[in-house]
Full PDB file with SEQRES, HELIX, SHEET, SSBOND, CRYST1, ORIGX, SCALE, CONECT and MASTER records, all heavy atoms in Angstrom:
SEQRES   1 A   32  ILE LEU ALA TYR GLY SER PHE GLY LEU PHE ILE ALA ALA          
SEQRES   2 A   32  ILE THR GLU GLU LEU ILE ALA PRO ILE PRO SER SER PHE          
SEQRES   3 A   32  VAL ILE LEU THR GLY GLY                                      
HELIX    1 AA1 SER A    6  LEU A   18  1                                  13    
HELIX    2 AA2 PHE A   26  GLY A   31  1                                   6    
CRYST1    1.000    1.000    1.000  90.00  90.00  90.00 P 1           1          
ORIGX1      1.000000  0.000000  0.000000        0.00000                         
ORIGX2      0.000000  1.000000  0.000000        0.00000                         
ORIGX3      0.000000  0.000000  1.000000        0.00000                         
SCALE1      1.000000  0.000000  0.000000        0.00000                         
SCALE2      0.000000  1.000000  0.000000        0.00000                         
SCALE3      0.000000  0.000000  1.000000        0.00000                         
ATOM      1  N   ILE A   1     -81.450-133.213 -76.030  1.00  0.00           N  
ATOM      2  CA  ILE A   1     -81.858-133.312 -77.419  1.00  0.00           C  
ATOM      3  C   ILE A   1     -82.091-131.836 -77.977  1.00  0.00           C  
ATOM      4  O   ILE A   1     -81.676-131.529 -79.082  1.00  0.00           O  
ATOM      5  CB  ILE A   1     -83.105-134.132 -77.538  1.00  0.00           C  
ATOM      6  CG1 ILE A   1     -82.773-135.633 -77.259  1.00  0.00           C  
ATOM      7  CG2 ILE A   1     -83.742-134.057 -79.065  1.00  0.00           C  
ATOM      8  CD1 ILE A   1     -83.961-136.506 -77.175  1.00  0.00           C  
ATOM      9  N   LEU A   2     -82.763-131.067 -77.144  1.00  0.00           N  
ATOM     10  CA  LEU A   2     -82.984-129.640 -77.511  1.00  0.00           C  
ATOM     11  C   LEU A   2     -81.819-128.862 -77.735  1.00  0.00           C  
ATOM     12  O   LEU A   2     -81.735-128.003 -78.564  1.00  0.00           O  
ATOM     13  CB  LEU A   2     -84.020-129.019 -76.616  1.00  0.00           C  
ATOM     14  CG  LEU A   2     -85.500-129.627 -76.539  1.00  0.00           C  
ATOM     15  CD1 LEU A   2     -86.297-129.036 -75.342  1.00  0.00           C  
ATOM     16  CD2 LEU A   2     -86.164-129.193 -77.876  1.00  0.00           C  
ATOM     17  N   ALA A   3     -80.837-129.114 -76.895  1.00  0.00           N  
ATOM     18  CA  ALA A   3     -79.649-128.275 -76.854  1.00  0.00           C  
ATOM     19  C   ALA A   3     -78.576-128.651 -77.873  1.00  0.00           C  
ATOM     20  O   ALA A   3     -77.940-127.826 -78.504  1.00  0.00           O  
ATOM     21  CB  ALA A   3     -79.006-128.290 -75.431  1.00  0.00           C  
ATOM     22  N   TYR A   4     -78.492-130.007 -78.180  1.00  0.00           N  
ATOM     23  CA  TYR A   4     -77.341-130.523 -79.002  1.00  0.00           C  
ATOM     24  C   TYR A   4     -77.779-131.076 -80.437  1.00  0.00           C  
ATOM     25  O   TYR A   4     -77.017-131.556 -81.070  1.00  0.00           O  
ATOM     26  CB  TYR A   4     -76.525-131.367 -78.245  1.00  0.00           C  
ATOM     27  CG  TYR A   4     -75.888-130.791 -77.032  1.00  0.00           C  
ATOM     28  CD1 TYR A   4     -76.310-130.937 -75.802  1.00  0.00           C  
ATOM     29  CD2 TYR A   4     -74.766-129.870 -77.147  1.00  0.00           C  
ATOM     30  CE1 TYR A   4     -75.736-130.372 -74.603  1.00  0.00           C  
ATOM     31  CE2 TYR A   4     -74.167-129.290 -76.138  1.00  0.00           C  
ATOM     32  CZ  TYR A   4     -74.686-129.532 -74.852  1.00  0.00           C  
ATOM     33  OH  TYR A   4     -74.053-128.958 -73.728  1.00  0.00           O  
ATOM     34  N   GLY A   5     -79.141-131.140 -80.673  1.00  0.00           N  
ATOM     35  CA  GLY A   5     -79.589-131.625 -81.884  1.00  0.00           C  
ATOM     36  C   GLY A   5     -79.241-133.133 -82.034  1.00  0.00           C  
ATOM     37  O   GLY A   5     -79.530-133.919 -81.209  1.00  0.00           O  
ATOM     38  N   SER A   6     -78.704-133.412 -83.171  1.00  0.00           N  
ATOM     39  CA  SER A   6     -78.436-134.798 -83.637  1.00  0.00           C  
ATOM     40  C   SER A   6     -77.495-135.470 -82.637  1.00  0.00           C  
ATOM     41  O   SER A   6     -77.667-136.685 -82.303  1.00  0.00           O  
ATOM     42  CB  SER A   6     -78.000-134.967 -85.068  1.00  0.00           C  
ATOM     43  OG  SER A   6     -78.936-134.549 -86.016  1.00  0.00           O  
ATOM     44  N   PHE A   7     -76.499-134.730 -82.221  1.00  0.00           N  
ATOM     45  CA  PHE A   7     -75.506-135.242 -81.295  1.00  0.00           C  
ATOM     46  C   PHE A   7     -76.174-135.522 -79.886  1.00  0.00           C  
ATOM     47  O   PHE A   7     -75.891-136.524 -79.240  1.00  0.00           O  
ATOM     48  CB  PHE A   7     -74.409-134.359 -81.106  1.00  0.00           C  
ATOM     49  CG  PHE A   7     -73.266-134.804 -80.075  1.00  0.00           C  
ATOM     50  CD1 PHE A   7     -72.507-135.819 -80.349  1.00  0.00           C  
ATOM     51  CD2 PHE A   7     -73.228-134.231 -78.903  1.00  0.00           C  
ATOM     52  CE1 PHE A   7     -71.497-136.308 -79.574  1.00  0.00           C  
ATOM     53  CE2 PHE A   7     -72.262-134.621 -77.949  1.00  0.00           C  
ATOM     54  CZ  PHE A   7     -71.435-135.676 -78.311  1.00  0.00           C  
ATOM     55  N   GLY A   8     -77.144-134.732 -79.636  1.00  0.00           N  
ATOM     56  CA  GLY A   8     -77.994-134.885 -78.350  1.00  0.00           C  
ATOM     57  C   GLY A   8     -78.722-136.153 -78.476  1.00  0.00           C  
ATOM     58  O   GLY A   8     -78.842-136.869 -77.539  1.00  0.00           O  
ATOM     59  N   LEU A   9     -79.336-136.530 -79.627  1.00  0.00           N  
ATOM     60  CA  LEU A   9     -80.086-137.682 -79.818  1.00  0.00           C  
ATOM     61  C   LEU A   9     -79.122-138.884 -79.754  1.00  0.00           C  
ATOM     62  O   LEU A   9     -79.456-139.995 -79.130  1.00  0.00           O  
ATOM     63  CB  LEU A   9     -80.594-137.797 -81.286  1.00  0.00           C  
ATOM     64  CG  LEU A   9     -81.912-136.982 -81.583  1.00  0.00           C  
ATOM     65  CD1 LEU A   9     -82.242-137.014 -83.078  1.00  0.00           C  
ATOM     66  CD2 LEU A   9     -83.009-137.351 -80.699  1.00  0.00           C  
ATOM     67  N   PHE A  10     -77.927-138.857 -80.226  1.00  0.00           N  
ATOM     68  CA  PHE A  10     -76.922-139.887 -80.023  1.00  0.00           C  
ATOM     69  C   PHE A  10     -76.576-140.208 -78.565  1.00  0.00           C  
ATOM     70  O   PHE A  10     -76.667-141.359 -78.196  1.00  0.00           O  
ATOM     71  CB  PHE A  10     -75.679-139.563 -80.788  1.00  0.00           C  
ATOM     72  CG  PHE A  10     -74.451-140.442 -80.630  1.00  0.00           C  
ATOM     73  CD1 PHE A  10     -74.423-141.744 -81.203  1.00  0.00           C  
ATOM     74  CD2 PHE A  10     -73.446-140.056 -79.748  1.00  0.00           C  
ATOM     75  CE1 PHE A  10     -73.463-142.560 -81.017  1.00  0.00           C  
ATOM     76  CE2 PHE A  10     -72.323-140.917 -79.629  1.00  0.00           C  
ATOM     77  CZ  PHE A  10     -72.405-142.195 -80.225  1.00  0.00           C  
ATOM     78  N   ILE A  11     -76.391-139.164 -77.892  1.00  0.00           N  
ATOM     79  CA  ILE A  11     -76.064-139.288 -76.429  1.00  0.00           C  
ATOM     80  C   ILE A  11     -77.236-139.896 -75.715  1.00  0.00           C  
ATOM     81  O   ILE A  11     -77.267-140.771 -74.800  1.00  0.00           O  
ATOM     82  CB  ILE A  11     -75.595-137.945 -75.795  1.00  0.00           C  
ATOM     83  CG1 ILE A  11     -74.381-137.434 -76.413  1.00  0.00           C  
ATOM     84  CG2 ILE A  11     -75.562-138.085 -74.267  1.00  0.00           C  
ATOM     85  CD1 ILE A  11     -73.154-138.372 -76.266  1.00  0.00           C  
ATOM     86  N   ALA A  12     -78.519-139.310 -75.947  1.00  0.00           N  
ATOM     87  CA  ALA A  12     -79.706-139.736 -75.402  1.00  0.00           C  
ATOM     88  C   ALA A  12     -79.936-141.209 -75.593  1.00  0.00           C  
ATOM     89  O   ALA A  12     -80.433-141.910 -74.810  1.00  0.00           O  
ATOM     90  CB  ALA A  12     -80.952-138.795 -75.713  1.00  0.00           C  
ATOM     91  N   ALA A  13     -79.679-141.607 -76.834  1.00  0.00           N  
ATOM     92  CA  ALA A  13     -79.952-143.040 -77.136  1.00  0.00           C  
ATOM     93  C   ALA A  13     -79.044-143.956 -76.481  1.00  0.00           C  
ATOM     94  O   ALA A  13     -79.461-145.028 -75.954  1.00  0.00           O  
ATOM     95  CB  ALA A  13     -79.700-143.287 -78.791  1.00  0.00           C  
ATOM     96  N   ILE A  14     -77.747-143.553 -76.359  1.00  0.00           N  
ATOM     97  CA  ILE A  14     -76.850-144.392 -75.456  1.00  0.00           C  
ATOM     98  C   ILE A  14     -77.348-144.434 -74.053  1.00  0.00           C  
ATOM     99  O   ILE A  14     -77.380-145.610 -73.502  1.00  0.00           O  
ATOM    100  CB  ILE A  14     -75.455-143.850 -75.458  1.00  0.00           C  
ATOM    101  CG1 ILE A  14     -74.834-143.812 -76.915  1.00  0.00           C  
ATOM    102  CG2 ILE A  14     -74.496-144.512 -74.483  1.00  0.00           C  
ATOM    103  CD1 ILE A  14     -73.465-143.060 -77.010  1.00  0.00           C  
ATOM    104  N   THR A  15     -77.756-143.343 -73.538  1.00  0.00           N  
ATOM    105  CA  THR A  15     -78.268-143.339 -72.056  1.00  0.00           C  
ATOM    106  C   THR A  15     -79.480-144.221 -71.930  1.00  0.00           C  
ATOM    107  O   THR A  15     -79.611-144.939 -70.837  1.00  0.00           O  
ATOM    108  CB  THR A  15     -78.535-141.872 -71.719  1.00  0.00           C  
ATOM    109  OG1 THR A  15     -77.404-141.019 -71.937  1.00  0.00           O  
ATOM    110  CG2 THR A  15     -79.033-141.844 -70.207  1.00  0.00           C  
ATOM    111  N   GLU A  16     -80.540-144.114 -72.904  1.00  0.00           N  
ATOM    112  CA  GLU A  16     -81.671-144.820 -72.904  1.00  0.00           C  
ATOM    113  C   GLU A  16     -81.240-146.378 -72.855  1.00  0.00           C  
ATOM    114  O   GLU A  16     -81.938-147.139 -72.128  1.00  0.00           O  
ATOM    115  CB  GLU A  16     -82.455-144.481 -74.092  1.00  0.00           C  
ATOM    116  CG  GLU A  16     -83.816-145.318 -74.081  1.00  0.00           C  
ATOM    117  CD  GLU A  16     -84.500-144.968 -75.529  1.00  0.00           C  
ATOM    118  OE1 GLU A  16     -85.328-144.044 -75.467  1.00  0.00           O  
ATOM    119  OE2 GLU A  16     -84.268-145.655 -76.432  1.00  0.00           O  
ATOM    120  N   GLU A  17     -80.378-146.737 -73.611  1.00  0.00           N  
ATOM    121  CA  GLU A  17     -80.110-148.175 -73.833  1.00  0.00           C  
ATOM    122  C   GLU A  17     -79.394-148.716 -72.471  1.00  0.00           C  
ATOM    123  O   GLU A  17     -79.560-149.896 -72.152  1.00  0.00           O  
ATOM    124  CB  GLU A  17     -79.046-148.461 -74.940  1.00  0.00           C  
ATOM    125  CG  GLU A  17     -79.026-149.798 -75.454  1.00  0.00           C  
ATOM    126  CD  GLU A  17     -80.205-150.306 -76.093  1.00  0.00           C  
ATOM    127  OE1 GLU A  17     -81.095-149.625 -76.383  1.00  0.00           O  
ATOM    128  OE2 GLU A  17     -80.276-151.494 -76.467  1.00  0.00           O  
ATOM    129  N   LEU A  18     -78.623-147.807 -71.820  1.00  0.00           N  
ATOM    130  CA  LEU A  18     -77.911-148.145 -70.590  1.00  0.00           C  
ATOM    131  C   LEU A  18     -78.794-148.420 -69.355  1.00  0.00           C  
ATOM    132  O   LEU A  18     -78.547-149.123 -68.533  1.00  0.00           O  
ATOM    133  CB  LEU A  18     -76.861-147.393 -70.301  1.00  0.00           C  
ATOM    134  CG  LEU A  18     -75.531-147.312 -71.341  1.00  0.00           C  
ATOM    135  CD1 LEU A  18     -74.547-146.305 -70.964  1.00  0.00           C  
ATOM    136  CD2 LEU A  18     -74.996-148.670 -71.296  1.00  0.00           C  
ATOM    137  N   ILE A  19     -79.804-147.424 -69.333  1.00  0.00           N  
ATOM    138  CA  ILE A  19     -80.692-147.390 -68.120  1.00  0.00           C  
ATOM    139  C   ILE A  19     -81.973-147.990 -68.453  1.00  0.00           C  
ATOM    140  O   ILE A  19     -82.922-147.402 -69.078  1.00  0.00           O  
ATOM    141  CB  ILE A  19     -80.892-145.788 -67.761  1.00  0.00           C  
ATOM    142  CG1 ILE A  19     -79.506-145.148 -67.521  1.00  0.00           C  
ATOM    143  CG2 ILE A  19     -81.767-145.721 -66.431  1.00  0.00           C  
ATOM    144  CD1 ILE A  19     -79.594-143.691 -67.149  1.00  0.00           C  
ATOM    145  N   ALA A  20     -82.176-149.173 -67.835  1.00  0.00           N  
ATOM    146  CA  ALA A  20     -83.399-149.997 -68.139  1.00  0.00           C  
ATOM    147  C   ALA A  20     -84.732-149.314 -68.008  1.00  0.00           C  
ATOM    148  O   ALA A  20     -85.699-149.566 -68.887  1.00  0.00           O  
ATOM    149  CB  ALA A  20     -83.226-151.323 -67.429  1.00  0.00           C  
ATOM    150  N   PRO A  21     -85.001-148.662 -66.822  1.00  0.00           N  
ATOM    151  CA  PRO A  21     -86.316-148.002 -66.613  1.00  0.00           C  
ATOM    152  C   PRO A  21     -86.917-147.060 -67.569  1.00  0.00           C  
ATOM    153  O   PRO A  21     -87.952-146.794 -67.730  1.00  0.00           O  
ATOM    154  CB  PRO A  21     -86.213-147.461 -65.193  1.00  0.00           C  
ATOM    155  CG  PRO A  21     -85.045-148.087 -64.587  1.00  0.00           C  
ATOM    156  CD  PRO A  21     -84.193-148.342 -65.725  1.00  0.00           C  
ATOM    157  N   ILE A  22     -85.922-146.405 -68.519  1.00  0.00           N  
ATOM    158  CA  ILE A  22     -86.350-145.408 -69.475  1.00  0.00           C  
ATOM    159  C   ILE A  22     -87.060-146.195 -70.579  1.00  0.00           C  
ATOM    160  O   ILE A  22     -86.610-147.065 -71.182  1.00  0.00           O  
ATOM    161  CB  ILE A  22     -85.210-144.724 -69.977  1.00  0.00           C  
ATOM    162  CG1 ILE A  22     -84.517-143.919 -68.944  1.00  0.00           C  
ATOM    163  CG2 ILE A  22     -85.530-143.713 -71.043  1.00  0.00           C  
ATOM    164  CD1 ILE A  22     -83.180-143.272 -69.320  1.00  0.00           C  
ATOM    165  N   PRO A  23     -88.249-145.594 -71.032  1.00  0.00           N  
ATOM    166  CA  PRO A  23     -89.027-146.252 -72.035  1.00  0.00           C  
ATOM    167  C   PRO A  23     -88.136-146.265 -73.272  1.00  0.00           C  
ATOM    168  O   PRO A  23     -87.541-145.258 -73.697  1.00  0.00           O  
ATOM    169  CB  PRO A  23     -90.230-145.260 -72.219  1.00  0.00           C  
ATOM    170  CG  PRO A  23     -90.329-144.610 -70.921  1.00  0.00           C  
ATOM    171  CD  PRO A  23     -89.017-144.558 -70.398  1.00  0.00           C  
ATOM    172  N   SER A  24     -88.061-147.518 -73.959  1.00  0.00           N  
ATOM    173  CA  SER A  24     -87.137-147.751 -75.043  1.00  0.00           C  
ATOM    174  C   SER A  24     -87.570-146.929 -76.356  1.00  0.00           C  
ATOM    175  O   SER A  24     -86.713-146.670 -77.151  1.00  0.00           O  
ATOM    176  CB  SER A  24     -87.048-149.174 -75.363  1.00  0.00           C  
ATOM    177  OG  SER A  24     -88.363-149.658 -75.837  1.00  0.00           O  
ATOM    178  N   SER A  25     -88.744-146.410 -76.364  1.00  0.00           N  
ATOM    179  CA  SER A  25     -89.153-145.629 -77.625  1.00  0.00           C  
ATOM    180  C   SER A  25     -89.144-144.065 -77.219  1.00  0.00           C  
ATOM    181  O   SER A  25     -89.333-143.271 -78.215  1.00  0.00           O  
ATOM    182  CB  SER A  25     -90.648-146.030 -77.920  1.00  0.00           C  
ATOM    183  OG  SER A  25     -91.420-145.757 -76.809  1.00  0.00           O  
ATOM    184  N   PHE A  26     -88.784-143.700 -76.047  1.00  0.00           N  
ATOM    185  CA  PHE A  26     -88.856-142.321 -75.680  1.00  0.00           C  
ATOM    186  C   PHE A  26     -88.024-141.408 -76.656  1.00  0.00           C  
ATOM    187  O   PHE A  26     -88.451-140.411 -77.124  1.00  0.00           O  
ATOM    188  CB  PHE A  26     -88.452-142.144 -74.376  1.00  0.00           C  
ATOM    189  CG  PHE A  26     -88.383-140.537 -73.844  1.00  0.00           C  
ATOM    190  CD1 PHE A  26     -89.560-139.917 -73.710  1.00  0.00           C  
ATOM    191  CD2 PHE A  26     -87.127-140.097 -73.726  1.00  0.00           C  
ATOM    192  CE1 PHE A  26     -89.419-138.552 -73.336  1.00  0.00           C  
ATOM    193  CE2 PHE A  26     -87.102-138.667 -73.376  1.00  0.00           C  
ATOM    194  CZ  PHE A  26     -88.190-137.977 -73.269  1.00  0.00           C  
ATOM    195  N   VAL A  27     -86.683-141.688 -76.657  1.00  0.00           N  
ATOM    196  CA  VAL A  27     -85.841-140.862 -77.530  1.00  0.00           C  
ATOM    197  C   VAL A  27     -86.226-140.728 -79.008  1.00  0.00           C  
ATOM    198  O   VAL A  27     -86.239-139.595 -79.599  1.00  0.00           O  
ATOM    199  CB  VAL A  27     -84.422-141.365 -77.397  1.00  0.00           C  
ATOM    200  CG1 VAL A  27     -83.389-140.571 -78.364  1.00  0.00           C  
ATOM    201  CG2 VAL A  27     -83.833-141.263 -75.996  1.00  0.00           C  
ATOM    202  N   ILE A  28     -86.602-141.879 -79.547  1.00  0.00           N  
ATOM    203  CA  ILE A  28     -87.028-141.904 -80.981  1.00  0.00           C  
ATOM    204  C   ILE A  28     -88.296-140.902 -81.254  1.00  0.00           C  
ATOM    205  O   ILE A  28     -88.253-140.093 -82.050  1.00  0.00           O  
ATOM    206  CB  ILE A  28     -87.319-143.262 -81.480  1.00  0.00           C  
ATOM    207  CG1 ILE A  28     -86.177-144.199 -81.159  1.00  0.00           C  
ATOM    208  CG2 ILE A  28     -87.618-143.299 -82.954  1.00  0.00           C  
ATOM    209  CD1 ILE A  28     -86.373-145.600 -81.633  1.00  0.00           C  
ATOM    210  N   LEU A  29     -89.277-141.155 -80.378  1.00  0.00           N  
ATOM    211  CA  LEU A  29     -90.517-140.380 -80.505  1.00  0.00           C  
ATOM    212  C   LEU A  29     -90.239-138.849 -80.281  1.00  0.00           C  
ATOM    213  O   LEU A  29     -90.757-138.049 -81.038  1.00  0.00           O  
ATOM    214  CB  LEU A  29     -91.584-140.854 -79.489  1.00  0.00           C  
ATOM    215  CG  LEU A  29     -92.160-142.219 -79.642  1.00  0.00           C  
ATOM    216  CD1 LEU A  29     -92.946-142.728 -78.518  1.00  0.00           C  
ATOM    217  CD2 LEU A  29     -93.077-142.101 -81.011  1.00  0.00           C  
ATOM    218  N   THR A  30     -89.291-138.586 -79.255  1.00  0.00           N  
ATOM    219  CA  THR A  30     -89.005-137.235 -79.008  1.00  0.00           C  
ATOM    220  C   THR A  30     -88.257-136.572 -80.194  1.00  0.00           C  
ATOM    221  O   THR A  30     -88.429-135.547 -80.616  1.00  0.00           O  
ATOM    222  CB  THR A  30     -88.100-137.184 -77.720  1.00  0.00           C  
ATOM    223  OG1 THR A  30     -88.675-137.632 -76.606  1.00  0.00           O  
ATOM    224  CG2 THR A  30     -87.712-135.706 -77.458  1.00  0.00           C  
ATOM    225  N   GLY A  31     -87.294-137.394 -80.763  1.00  0.00           N  
ATOM    226  CA  GLY A  31     -86.599-136.924 -81.937  1.00  0.00           C  
ATOM    227  C   GLY A  31     -87.576-136.563 -83.124  1.00  0.00           C  
ATOM    228  O   GLY A  31     -87.274-135.434 -83.815  1.00  0.00           O  
ATOM    229  N   GLY A  32     -88.430-137.377 -83.338  1.00  0.00           N  
ATOM    230  CA  GLY A  32     -89.397-137.113 -84.409  1.00  0.00           C  
ATOM    231  C   GLY A  32     -90.136-135.861 -84.251  1.00  0.00           C  
ATOM    232  O   GLY A  32     -90.479-135.123 -85.122  1.00  0.00           O  
TER     233      GLY A  32                                                      
MASTER        0    0    0    2    0    0    0    6  232    1    0    3          
END                                                                             
């Protein structure tokens, strides 16, 4: 997210959705 900005958010969101143990709100809170 820090390195790629909005595109990083897009990639991180896909990863978050695929990997169940990651908190589902993490990427959104981090982006904000």
